[in-house]
Protein backbone atom coordinates (compact mmCIF):
# COMPACT_ATOMS: atom_id res chain seq x y z
CA MET A 1 108.27 -69.59 -209.18
CA ARG A 2 107.17 -68.61 -212.22
CA LEU A 3 108.50 -65.55 -214.24
CA SER A 4 104.82 -63.94 -214.91
CA ARG A 5 104.46 -64.04 -210.82
CA LEU A 6 107.74 -61.94 -210.48
CA HIS A 7 106.84 -58.59 -212.28
CA PRO A 8 103.70 -57.68 -214.26
CA VAL A 9 105.63 -57.18 -217.48
CA PHE A 10 106.43 -60.85 -217.41
CA TYR A 11 102.78 -61.36 -217.12
CA HIS A 12 101.81 -59.22 -219.38
CA VAL A 13 104.02 -61.11 -222.02
CA ARG A 14 102.94 -64.16 -220.90
CA VAL A 15 99.07 -63.41 -221.65
CA PHE A 16 99.91 -62.00 -224.88
CA GLN A 17 102.02 -65.46 -226.02
CA LYS A 18 99.04 -67.45 -225.25
CA ARG A 19 96.68 -65.03 -226.52
CA LEU A 20 98.44 -65.23 -229.75
CA CYS A 21 99.13 -69.41 -229.73
CA ARG A 22 95.10 -69.43 -229.24
CA SER A 23 94.37 -67.46 -232.26
CA ILE A 24 96.59 -69.20 -234.32
CA SER A 25 95.43 -72.67 -233.08
CA ASP A 26 91.90 -71.58 -233.59
CA ARG A 27 92.85 -70.44 -237.51
CA ILE A 28 94.54 -73.61 -238.14
CA SER A 29 92.49 -76.14 -236.40
CA GLY A 30 89.38 -76.94 -238.29
CA VAL A 31 87.18 -76.26 -235.72
CA ARG A 32 83.43 -75.28 -237.03
CA PHE A 33 82.15 -72.97 -234.53
CA ALA A 34 79.00 -71.93 -233.96
CA ALA A 35 78.05 -68.64 -235.61
CA GLU A 36 74.41 -68.44 -236.61
CA GLN A 37 72.05 -66.95 -234.40
CA GLN A 38 68.10 -67.27 -234.57
CA ALA A 39 65.50 -64.87 -232.65
CA SER A 40 63.07 -67.48 -232.35
CA SER A 41 63.60 -70.55 -229.70
CA LEU A 42 63.54 -73.92 -231.19
CA PRO A 43 60.77 -76.17 -230.05
CA PHE A 44 61.92 -78.29 -227.44
CA THR A 45 63.53 -77.32 -224.07
CA CYS A 46 66.16 -79.17 -222.78
CA ASN A 47 67.08 -76.77 -219.66
CA ARG A 48 66.18 -73.49 -218.14
CA HIS A 49 68.38 -71.99 -215.47
CA GLN A 50 68.61 -68.68 -213.77
CA SER A 51 70.86 -66.79 -211.22
CA LEU A 52 70.98 -63.63 -209.16
CA LEU A 53 72.58 -60.77 -210.44
CA ARG A 54 73.61 -58.93 -207.27
CA ARG A 55 75.21 -61.44 -204.72
CA LYS A 56 77.34 -60.39 -201.48
CA LEU A 57 80.62 -61.44 -202.05
CA GLY A 58 82.87 -60.72 -198.84
CA SER A 59 83.60 -57.11 -198.69
CA THR A 60 84.07 -56.17 -202.18
CA ASP A 61 82.49 -52.65 -203.51
CA PRO A 62 79.14 -53.06 -204.13
CA ARG A 63 79.35 -50.95 -207.03
CA LEU A 64 81.70 -54.10 -209.08
CA GLN A 65 78.39 -56.07 -209.21
CA GLU A 66 76.81 -53.42 -211.03
CA ASN A 67 79.68 -52.65 -213.23
CA LYS A 68 78.79 -56.56 -213.55
CA VAL A 69 75.71 -56.37 -214.71
CA VAL A 70 76.71 -53.31 -217.55
CA ASN A 71 78.93 -56.09 -218.74
CA LEU A 72 76.77 -58.76 -218.95
CA GLY A 73 73.86 -56.92 -221.10
CA ILE A 74 77.08 -56.59 -223.66
CA ALA A 75 77.97 -60.14 -223.99
CA VAL A 76 74.06 -61.50 -223.74
CA PRO A 77 73.33 -60.37 -227.03
CA SER A 78 76.48 -62.10 -228.83
CA ILE A 79 75.34 -65.37 -227.43
CA ASP A 80 71.45 -65.43 -227.54
CA GLY A 81 69.62 -67.13 -230.00
CA LEU A 82 72.59 -68.94 -231.13
CA LEU A 83 72.45 -72.29 -232.65
CA ILE A 84 75.28 -75.29 -232.44
CA LYS A 85 74.65 -77.52 -235.55
CA PRO A 86 75.71 -81.13 -235.67
CA GLY A 87 79.33 -81.18 -235.32
CA GLU A 88 79.75 -77.65 -234.61
CA THR A 89 81.57 -75.96 -231.50
CA PHE A 90 80.30 -73.20 -229.41
CA SER A 91 83.41 -70.96 -228.04
CA PHE A 92 82.58 -68.25 -225.44
CA TRP A 93 85.41 -65.97 -227.00
CA GLN A 94 84.65 -66.67 -230.09
CA ARG A 95 81.22 -65.09 -229.71
CA VAL A 96 82.35 -62.48 -226.94
CA GLY A 97 85.62 -61.44 -228.47
CA LYS A 98 87.49 -59.49 -226.44
CA THR A 99 86.37 -57.26 -223.80
CA THR A 100 87.42 -53.90 -224.21
CA ALA A 101 86.48 -50.27 -222.80
CA ALA A 102 85.87 -48.98 -226.75
CA LYS A 103 83.10 -51.46 -226.47
CA GLY A 104 81.48 -50.29 -223.17
CA TYR A 105 83.06 -52.90 -220.70
CA VAL A 106 83.77 -51.44 -217.46
CA GLU A 107 85.89 -52.57 -214.25
CA GLY A 108 84.60 -55.62 -212.68
CA LEU A 109 85.69 -58.66 -210.70
CA LEU A 110 88.33 -60.85 -212.29
CA LEU A 111 89.67 -63.68 -210.45
CA SER A 112 93.49 -64.37 -211.42
CA GLN A 113 96.66 -65.78 -210.08
CA GLY A 114 95.08 -66.83 -207.00
CA GLU A 115 93.59 -63.35 -205.85
CA VAL A 116 90.39 -61.29 -206.22
CA ARG A 117 91.36 -58.24 -208.97
CA THR A 118 89.53 -55.99 -211.00
CA GLY A 119 89.73 -55.73 -214.89
CA VAL A 120 87.63 -54.43 -217.70
CA GLY A 121 84.69 -56.97 -218.61
CA GLY A 122 85.03 -58.41 -214.99
CA GLY A 123 81.99 -60.55 -214.11
CA LEU A 124 81.43 -62.77 -217.44
CA CYS A 125 82.20 -65.52 -215.57
CA GLN A 126 78.56 -65.56 -214.46
CA LEU A 127 77.73 -66.26 -217.98
CA ALA A 128 79.91 -69.04 -218.24
CA ASN A 129 78.97 -70.37 -214.92
CA LEU A 130 74.97 -70.20 -216.44
CA LEU A 131 76.06 -71.91 -219.95
CA PHE A 132 78.34 -74.50 -218.55
CA TRP A 133 75.74 -75.58 -216.01
CA MET A 134 73.07 -75.57 -218.85
CA ALA A 135 75.28 -77.58 -220.95
CA LEU A 136 75.35 -80.69 -218.28
CA HIS A 137 71.78 -81.01 -218.91
CA THR A 138 71.89 -81.64 -222.31
CA PRO A 139 73.73 -84.10 -224.75
CA LEU A 140 76.43 -81.49 -225.41
CA GLN A 141 80.25 -82.29 -225.23
CA VAL A 142 82.02 -80.06 -222.74
CA MET A 143 85.35 -79.69 -224.38
CA GLU A 144 87.00 -76.94 -222.85
CA ARG A 145 86.12 -76.04 -219.24
CA HIS A 146 88.17 -74.62 -216.37
CA HIS A 147 87.68 -73.67 -212.89
CA HIS A 148 89.10 -71.53 -210.27
CA GLN A 149 91.67 -72.92 -208.07
CA PHE A 150 90.84 -71.33 -204.87
CA ASP A 151 87.48 -70.57 -203.24
CA PRO A 152 87.24 -66.88 -202.63
CA PHE A 153 84.07 -65.83 -200.88
CA PRO A 154 81.64 -67.77 -198.48
CA ASP A 155 78.28 -68.74 -199.99
CA ASP A 156 75.72 -66.33 -200.45
CA HIS A 157 72.37 -67.64 -201.79
CA ARG A 158 73.88 -70.39 -203.53
CA VAL A 159 71.91 -73.07 -205.57
CA LEU A 160 74.53 -74.74 -207.21
CA PRO A 161 77.08 -77.08 -206.16
CA PHE A 162 80.22 -75.47 -204.99
CA GLY A 163 82.67 -75.68 -207.90
CA SER A 164 80.09 -76.28 -210.68
CA GLY A 165 81.03 -73.27 -212.92
CA ALA A 166 83.47 -72.43 -215.31
CA SER A 167 86.03 -69.66 -215.55
CA VAL A 168 87.12 -67.72 -218.69
CA PHE A 169 89.70 -65.45 -219.43
CA TYR A 170 90.34 -63.92 -223.04
CA ASN A 171 90.96 -65.76 -225.27
CA TYR A 172 92.75 -68.70 -224.12
CA VAL A 173 90.57 -69.97 -220.61
CA ASP A 174 87.76 -70.46 -222.75
CA LEU A 175 84.25 -72.42 -222.40
CA ARG A 176 84.03 -75.01 -225.72
CA LEU A 177 80.99 -77.24 -226.06
CA PHE A 178 80.41 -79.53 -229.21
CA ASN A 179 77.63 -81.22 -230.46
CA PRO A 180 78.02 -84.81 -231.66
CA THR A 181 74.47 -85.57 -232.27
CA ARG A 182 72.47 -85.33 -235.56
CA GLN A 183 70.05 -82.34 -233.54
CA THR A 184 70.52 -78.74 -233.32
CA PHE A 185 70.57 -77.04 -230.16
CA GLN A 186 70.12 -73.30 -229.33
CA ILE A 187 71.35 -71.37 -226.80
CA ARG A 188 68.82 -68.48 -225.38
CA VAL A 189 70.00 -65.81 -222.46
CA TRP A 190 69.10 -62.67 -221.11
CA LEU A 191 68.66 -59.95 -218.14
CA THR A 192 66.05 -59.15 -216.09
CA ASP A 193 66.22 -56.49 -213.43
CA ASN A 194 67.20 -59.49 -210.74
CA HIS A 195 68.70 -62.44 -212.78
CA LEU A 196 70.49 -63.74 -215.54
CA LYS A 197 68.42 -66.41 -217.54
CA GLY A 198 69.19 -68.67 -220.06
CA ALA A 199 67.44 -71.69 -221.50
CA VAL A 200 68.69 -74.58 -223.96
CA PHE A 201 66.49 -75.73 -227.02
CA THR A 202 66.54 -78.37 -229.62
CA ASP A 203 64.32 -79.07 -232.79
CA ARG A 204 63.80 -82.60 -231.76
CA GLU A 205 62.83 -84.00 -228.56
CA TRP A 206 65.96 -85.60 -226.95
CA PRO A 207 65.43 -89.28 -224.93
CA CYS A 208 67.22 -88.22 -222.24
CA ALA A 209 66.99 -86.22 -218.97
CA TYR A 210 69.76 -85.30 -216.68
CA HIS A 211 70.27 -84.96 -213.00
CA VAL A 212 73.31 -82.82 -211.48
CA GLU A 213 73.79 -83.35 -208.14
CA GLU A 214 77.09 -83.04 -205.58
CA ARG A 215 78.73 -85.63 -203.36
CA ASN A 216 81.38 -85.93 -201.02
CA HIS A 217 81.59 -82.15 -199.96
CA ALA A 218 83.85 -80.90 -196.43
CA PHE A 219 85.97 -78.63 -195.48
CA LEU A 220 89.71 -79.88 -194.67
CA ARG A 221 92.75 -78.38 -192.87
CA GLN A 222 95.92 -79.21 -194.58
CA GLY A 223 99.31 -78.10 -193.92
CA GLY A 224 97.70 -74.80 -192.00
CA LYS A 225 95.35 -73.94 -194.74
CA HIS A 226 91.60 -74.53 -195.08
CA TYR A 227 90.33 -76.73 -198.29
CA ARG A 228 86.94 -77.18 -199.77
CA ARG A 229 86.34 -80.47 -201.87
CA ASN A 230 83.66 -82.01 -203.38
CA GLU A 231 82.29 -84.32 -206.64
CA ILE A 232 79.87 -83.18 -209.27
CA TRP A 233 78.12 -86.33 -210.41
CA ARG A 234 75.77 -85.92 -213.91
CA LEU A 235 72.78 -88.78 -213.81
CA VAL A 236 71.12 -90.00 -217.04
CA ILE A 237 67.42 -90.60 -217.26
CA ASP A 238 65.53 -92.25 -219.78
CA LYS A 239 62.97 -89.89 -220.28
CA ARG A 240 60.58 -92.78 -221.51
CA THR A 241 60.95 -95.02 -218.94
CA GLY A 242 62.18 -93.13 -216.28
CA ASN A 243 65.07 -95.28 -215.04
CA ARG A 244 68.51 -94.46 -214.32
CA THR A 245 70.80 -95.16 -217.23
CA GLY A 246 74.20 -93.59 -216.20
CA GLU A 247 76.01 -92.01 -214.62
CA GLU A 248 79.56 -90.06 -214.77
CA LEU A 249 81.82 -88.24 -212.24
CA VAL A 250 82.01 -84.63 -213.80
CA ILE A 251 84.29 -82.91 -211.80
CA ARG A 252 86.45 -83.29 -208.75
CA ASN A 253 87.30 -79.94 -206.62
CA PHE A 254 90.08 -79.27 -204.30
CA SER A 255 90.29 -75.76 -203.27
CA GLU A 256 92.01 -73.45 -200.91
CA VAL A 257 89.41 -71.49 -199.21
CA LYS A 258 90.61 -67.91 -199.04
CA TYR A 259 88.02 -66.59 -196.30
CA ASP A 260 87.66 -67.46 -192.64
CA LEU A 261 85.72 -70.06 -192.07
CA ALA A 262 83.89 -68.58 -189.05
CA ASP A 263 82.18 -66.63 -192.10
CA ILE A 264 80.08 -69.82 -192.52
CA THR A 265 77.50 -71.43 -190.53
CA PRO A 266 78.35 -74.90 -189.03
CA ASN A 267 75.75 -76.58 -190.42
CA MET A 268 77.62 -75.75 -194.15
CA GLN A 269 80.81 -76.33 -192.66
CA LYS A 270 79.69 -80.06 -191.41
CA ALA A 271 77.42 -80.75 -194.41
CA GLY A 272 78.17 -78.36 -197.60
CA GLN A 273 74.69 -77.82 -198.22
CA PRO A 274 73.86 -74.52 -200.22
């Protein structure tokens, strides 16, 4: 068993070590992080998406959903309008920074060490999820992306495939996107009363479109535990001809289910439909 699981002191020491290592690595890596923000949108749209701000998450306190909205409202302005120029890298934590009470962040849901917890700044994974999903519909390369090793809640108003999100935890569990093209891309994110919304724009029309789909979804029982598996595939479409020019396996998920399967519908359990 890891020392970090034996006592909270060991856990906090390990987190400090990892954060220090990431900070040093970023300083000496030579990576050019995207930093310029522009109020006006670039002329061509790559993708748009939105997600509900408030969802039923098992038996968790609904007030944590409201706290999440507060936290998103603080984080969003640090990313909205960001330009990712050729050769630059987007880093979630380089933009958002450490989530502290001094900045106005409040207690929200966190998924950590296989459990649902609360912590200051919780709920920002929803923003990372949105950014990752939109990035899959662009030529931006995903250089770093993490996901939870467990499925904590039954689906509620799910519109994206299971396991297609991104987990973030300051500063060493990051979402990083690299721009390998000769074009500039721009991230726009904003809040409405009910949704977190986002879009990716670019300065010139990109010749390809992207379609992301789920395959081979199933619930399984192994060793007395239930697991959920699926695959996320990305298809590349030539905009001019409409022909598929390629496909790639992006993610293969296999996660322990933390809720009672009686909480989901028989059809979903069989086919895995959102």
